[in-house]
Amino acid sequence: FSMSEAVAAFIVTGVLLIATGLFRPLTKLISRIPPSVASGMLAGIVVTFALNAVKTIPIDPWLILPLIAAFFVIRLFNPALSVL
């Protein structure tokens, strides 16, 4: 994506978040989304991110491998902080 597309996506996301907070019917509608569906949507985004990181290992291992190592080391001491 280009920089202008990324900026536009952030702006649209911000407007939608504000609209969600301002309009009570929209808030109630979103709260009716089942947690399993919301978790599945989040998993789709996170899995894509994680798979792209793994694909980057052959290209730039000195960038990705320390991040993966840090994830597992932090997970040993405080699992709540070990997020992607």
N, C-alpha and C. Protein backbone atom coordinates (compact mmCIF):
# COMPACT_ATOMS: atom_id res chain seq x y z
N PHE A 1 0.83 -1.18 0.00
CA PHE A 1 0.00 0.00 0.00
C PHE A 1 0.88 1.24 0.00
N SER A 2 0.37 2.29 -0.61
CA SER A 2 1.11 3.54 -0.62
C SER A 2 0.87 4.29 0.69
N MET A 3 1.67 5.32 0.92
CA MET A 3 1.52 6.11 2.14
C MET A 3 0.16 6.81 2.18
N SER A 4 -0.30 7.31 1.04
CA SER A 4 -1.60 7.99 1.02
C SER A 4 -2.75 7.02 1.32
N GLU A 5 -2.64 5.79 0.84
CA GLU A 5 -3.66 4.79 1.15
C GLU A 5 -3.66 4.44 2.64
N ALA A 6 -2.47 4.34 3.22
CA ALA A 6 -2.38 4.03 4.65
C ALA A 6 -2.96 5.16 5.50
N VAL A 7 -2.64 6.40 5.13
CA VAL A 7 -3.17 7.55 5.87
C VAL A 7 -4.69 7.59 5.75
N ALA A 8 -5.20 7.35 4.56
CA ALA A 8 -6.65 7.34 4.36
C ALA A 8 -7.31 6.25 5.20
N ALA A 9 -6.68 5.09 5.29
CA ALA A 9 -7.23 4.00 6.10
C ALA A 9 -7.27 4.39 7.58
N PHE A 10 -6.22 5.05 8.06
CA PHE A 10 -6.21 5.50 9.45
C PHE A 10 -7.28 6.55 9.71
N ILE A 11 -7.48 7.45 8.77
CA ILE A 11 -8.51 8.49 8.93
C ILE A 11 -9.90 7.86 8.96
N VAL A 12 -10.16 6.96 8.03
CA VAL A 12 -11.48 6.30 7.99
C VAL A 12 -11.71 5.50 9.28
N THR A 13 -10.68 4.82 9.75
CA THR A 13 -10.80 4.06 11.00
C THR A 13 -11.11 4.98 12.17
N GLY A 14 -10.43 6.11 12.23
CA GLY A 14 -10.69 7.08 13.30
C GLY A 14 -12.11 7.61 13.27
N VAL A 15 -12.59 7.94 12.07
CA VAL A 15 -13.96 8.44 11.93
C VAL A 15 -14.96 7.37 12.36
N LEU A 16 -14.72 6.13 11.97
CA LEU A 16 -15.63 5.05 12.37
C LEU A 16 -15.62 4.81 13.88
N LEU A 17 -14.45 4.92 14.50
CA LEU A 17 -14.38 4.77 15.95
C LEU A 17 -15.14 5.89 16.66
N ILE A 18 -15.00 7.10 16.17
CA ILE A 18 -15.73 8.23 16.76
C ILE A 18 -17.23 8.03 16.57
N ALA A 19 -17.63 7.60 15.38
CA ALA A 19 -19.06 7.36 15.11
C ALA A 19 -19.61 6.28 16.03
N THR A 20 -18.81 5.27 16.29
CA THR A 20 -19.25 4.19 17.19
C THR A 20 -19.51 4.73 18.59
N GLY A 21 -18.67 5.62 19.05
CA GLY A 21 -18.86 6.18 20.38
C GLY A 21 -19.98 7.20 20.47
N LEU A 22 -20.24 7.92 19.39
CA LEU A 22 -21.24 8.99 19.43
C LEU A 22 -22.67 8.52 19.22
N PHE A 23 -22.85 7.52 18.41
CA PHE A 23 -24.20 7.07 18.06
C PHE A 23 -24.54 5.80 18.84
N ARG A 24 -25.44 5.94 19.80
CA ARG A 24 -25.81 4.83 20.68
C ARG A 24 -26.33 3.61 19.92
N PRO A 25 -27.17 3.76 18.88
CA PRO A 25 -27.64 2.55 18.17
C PRO A 25 -26.49 1.77 17.52
N LEU A 26 -25.50 2.48 17.02
CA LEU A 26 -24.35 1.80 16.41
C LEU A 26 -23.56 1.04 17.48
N THR A 27 -23.42 1.65 18.65
CA THR A 27 -22.72 0.99 19.76
C THR A 27 -23.44 -0.29 20.16
N LYS A 28 -24.77 -0.21 20.26
CA LYS A 28 -25.55 -1.39 20.63
C LYS A 28 -25.46 -2.47 19.56
N LEU A 29 -25.46 -2.05 18.29
CA LEU A 29 -25.35 -3.01 17.19
C LEU A 29 -24.01 -3.74 17.24
N ILE A 30 -22.95 -3.00 17.47
CA ILE A 30 -21.62 -3.62 17.52
C ILE A 30 -21.50 -4.53 18.74
N SER A 31 -22.12 -4.15 19.85
CA SER A 31 -22.04 -5.01 21.04
C SER A 31 -22.78 -6.33 20.86
N ARG A 32 -23.63 -6.40 19.85
CA ARG A 32 -24.36 -7.65 19.58
C ARG A 32 -23.55 -8.64 18.75
N ILE A 33 -22.39 -8.24 18.27
CA ILE A 33 -21.53 -9.17 17.52
C ILE A 33 -21.05 -10.24 18.50
N PRO A 34 -21.27 -11.51 18.20
CA PRO A 34 -20.84 -12.58 19.12
C PRO A 34 -19.33 -12.55 19.33
N PRO A 35 -18.89 -12.82 20.56
CA PRO A 35 -17.45 -12.82 20.84
C PRO A 35 -16.67 -13.78 19.95
N SER A 36 -17.27 -14.90 19.58
CA SER A 36 -16.55 -15.86 18.73
C SER A 36 -16.30 -15.28 17.35
N VAL A 37 -17.25 -14.51 16.83
CA VAL A 37 -17.07 -13.88 15.51
C VAL A 37 -16.00 -12.79 15.61
N ALA A 38 -16.05 -11.98 16.66
CA ALA A 38 -15.04 -10.93 16.85
C ALA A 38 -13.65 -11.55 17.00
N SER A 39 -13.56 -12.64 17.74
CA SER A 39 -12.27 -13.32 17.91
C SER A 39 -11.76 -13.90 16.60
N GLY A 40 -12.66 -14.42 15.80
CA GLY A 40 -12.27 -14.95 14.49
C GLY A 40 -11.76 -13.85 13.57
N MET A 41 -12.39 -12.69 13.61
CA MET A 41 -11.94 -11.57 12.79
C MET A 41 -10.55 -11.11 13.23
N LEU A 42 -10.34 -11.02 14.54
CA LEU A 42 -9.03 -10.64 15.06
C LEU A 42 -7.98 -11.68 14.71
N ALA A 43 -8.34 -12.96 14.81
CA ALA A 43 -7.40 -14.03 14.48
C ALA A 43 -6.97 -13.96 13.02
N GLY A 44 -7.89 -13.62 12.14
CA GLY A 44 -7.54 -13.49 10.72
C GLY A 44 -6.49 -12.42 10.49
N ILE A 45 -6.57 -11.33 11.23
CA ILE A 45 -5.58 -10.26 11.09
C ILE A 45 -4.25 -10.68 11.70
N VAL A 46 -4.30 -11.27 12.90
CA VAL A 46 -3.07 -11.64 13.60
C VAL A 46 -2.33 -12.76 12.87
N VAL A 47 -3.06 -13.74 12.35
CA VAL A 47 -2.42 -14.84 11.63
C VAL A 47 -1.72 -14.32 10.38
N THR A 48 -2.35 -13.40 9.68
CA THR A 48 -1.73 -12.81 8.49
C THR A 48 -0.44 -12.10 8.87
N PHE A 49 -0.47 -11.34 9.96
CA PHE A 49 0.72 -10.63 10.43
C PHE A 49 1.83 -11.62 10.78
N ALA A 50 1.50 -12.67 11.53
CA ALA A 50 2.49 -13.64 11.96
C ALA A 50 3.08 -14.41 10.77
N LEU A 51 2.25 -14.79 9.82
CA LEU A 51 2.76 -15.52 8.65
C LEU A 51 3.66 -14.64 7.79
N ASN A 52 3.33 -13.37 7.67
CA ASN A 52 4.19 -12.45 6.92
C ASN A 52 5.53 -12.27 7.62
N ALA A 53 5.54 -12.28 8.95
CA ALA A 53 6.80 -12.19 9.68
C ALA A 53 7.66 -13.42 9.43
N VAL A 54 7.05 -14.59 9.40
CA VAL A 54 7.80 -15.83 9.13
C VAL A 54 8.35 -15.81 7.71
N LYS A 55 7.58 -15.30 6.76
CA LYS A 55 8.05 -15.22 5.38
C LYS A 55 9.24 -14.28 5.24
N THR A 56 9.38 -13.33 6.16
CA THR A 56 10.45 -12.34 6.09
C THR A 56 11.77 -12.88 6.65
N ILE A 57 11.74 -13.99 7.37
CA ILE A 57 12.97 -14.52 7.99
C ILE A 57 14.08 -14.75 6.96
N PRO A 58 13.83 -15.38 5.80
CA PRO A 58 14.94 -15.56 4.85
C PRO A 58 15.47 -14.24 4.28
N ILE A 59 14.63 -13.23 4.22
CA ILE A 59 15.04 -11.94 3.65
C ILE A 59 15.88 -11.15 4.65
N ASP A 60 15.43 -11.08 5.90
CA ASP A 60 16.12 -10.28 6.92
C ASP A 60 16.05 -10.98 8.28
N PRO A 61 16.86 -12.04 8.46
CA PRO A 61 16.78 -12.80 9.71
C PRO A 61 17.20 -11.99 10.94
N TRP A 62 18.10 -11.02 10.78
CA TRP A 62 18.55 -10.23 11.93
C TRP A 62 17.48 -9.27 12.45
N LEU A 63 16.43 -9.10 11.70
CA LEU A 63 15.31 -8.28 12.16
C LEU A 63 14.25 -9.13 12.86
N ILE A 64 13.91 -10.26 12.26
CA ILE A 64 12.78 -11.06 12.74
C ILE A 64 13.16 -12.01 13.88
N LEU A 65 14.29 -12.69 13.77
CA LEU A 65 14.65 -13.69 14.79
C LEU A 65 14.80 -13.09 16.19
N PRO A 66 15.42 -11.91 16.37
CA PRO A 66 15.44 -11.34 17.72
C PRO A 66 14.04 -11.01 18.26
N LEU A 67 13.13 -10.62 17.39
CA LEU A 67 11.76 -10.35 17.83
C LEU A 67 11.08 -11.63 18.32
N ILE A 68 11.30 -12.71 17.59
CA ILE A 68 10.71 -14.00 18.00
C ILE A 68 11.34 -14.47 19.31
N ALA A 69 12.67 -14.32 19.43
CA ALA A 69 13.34 -14.70 20.68
C ALA A 69 12.84 -13.86 21.85
N ALA A 70 12.68 -12.56 21.64
CA ALA A 70 12.17 -11.69 22.70
C ALA A 70 10.77 -12.09 23.12
N PHE A 71 9.95 -12.48 22.16
CA PHE A 71 8.59 -12.94 22.47
C PHE A 71 8.62 -14.11 23.44
N PHE A 72 9.47 -15.11 23.16
CA PHE A 72 9.51 -16.29 24.01
C PHE A 72 10.17 -16.01 25.36
N VAL A 73 11.18 -15.14 25.39
CA VAL A 73 11.82 -14.80 26.67
C VAL A 73 10.84 -14.04 27.56
N ILE A 74 10.15 -13.06 27.00
CA ILE A 74 9.17 -12.29 27.78
C ILE A 74 8.05 -13.20 28.26
N ARG A 75 7.69 -14.16 27.43
CA ARG A 75 6.61 -15.09 27.80
C ARG A 75 6.98 -15.92 29.02
N LEU A 76 8.27 -16.19 29.21
CA LEU A 76 8.70 -16.95 30.39
C LEU A 76 8.46 -16.17 31.68
N PHE A 77 8.69 -14.85 31.64
CA PHE A 77 8.63 -14.04 32.85
C PHE A 77 7.26 -13.41 33.09
N ASN A 78 6.61 -12.96 32.03
CA ASN A 78 5.30 -12.32 32.18
C ASN A 78 4.47 -12.59 30.92
N PRO A 79 3.69 -13.66 30.91
CA PRO A 79 2.93 -14.02 29.71
C PRO A 79 1.97 -12.93 29.24
N ALA A 80 1.50 -12.09 30.14
CA ALA A 80 0.57 -11.04 29.74
C ALA A 80 1.23 -10.01 28.83
N LEU A 81 2.55 -9.85 28.92
CA LEU A 81 3.26 -8.88 28.09
C LEU A 81 3.69 -9.45 26.74
N SER A 82 3.58 -10.75 26.55
CA SER A 82 4.06 -11.37 25.31
C SER A 82 2.96 -11.34 24.26
N VAL A 83 2.78 -10.19 23.67
CA VAL A 83 1.79 -10.02 22.62
C VAL A 83 2.50 -9.69 21.32
N LEU A 84 1.85 -10.02 20.22
CA LEU A 84 2.45 -9.74 18.92
C LEU A 84 2.27 -8.31 18.51
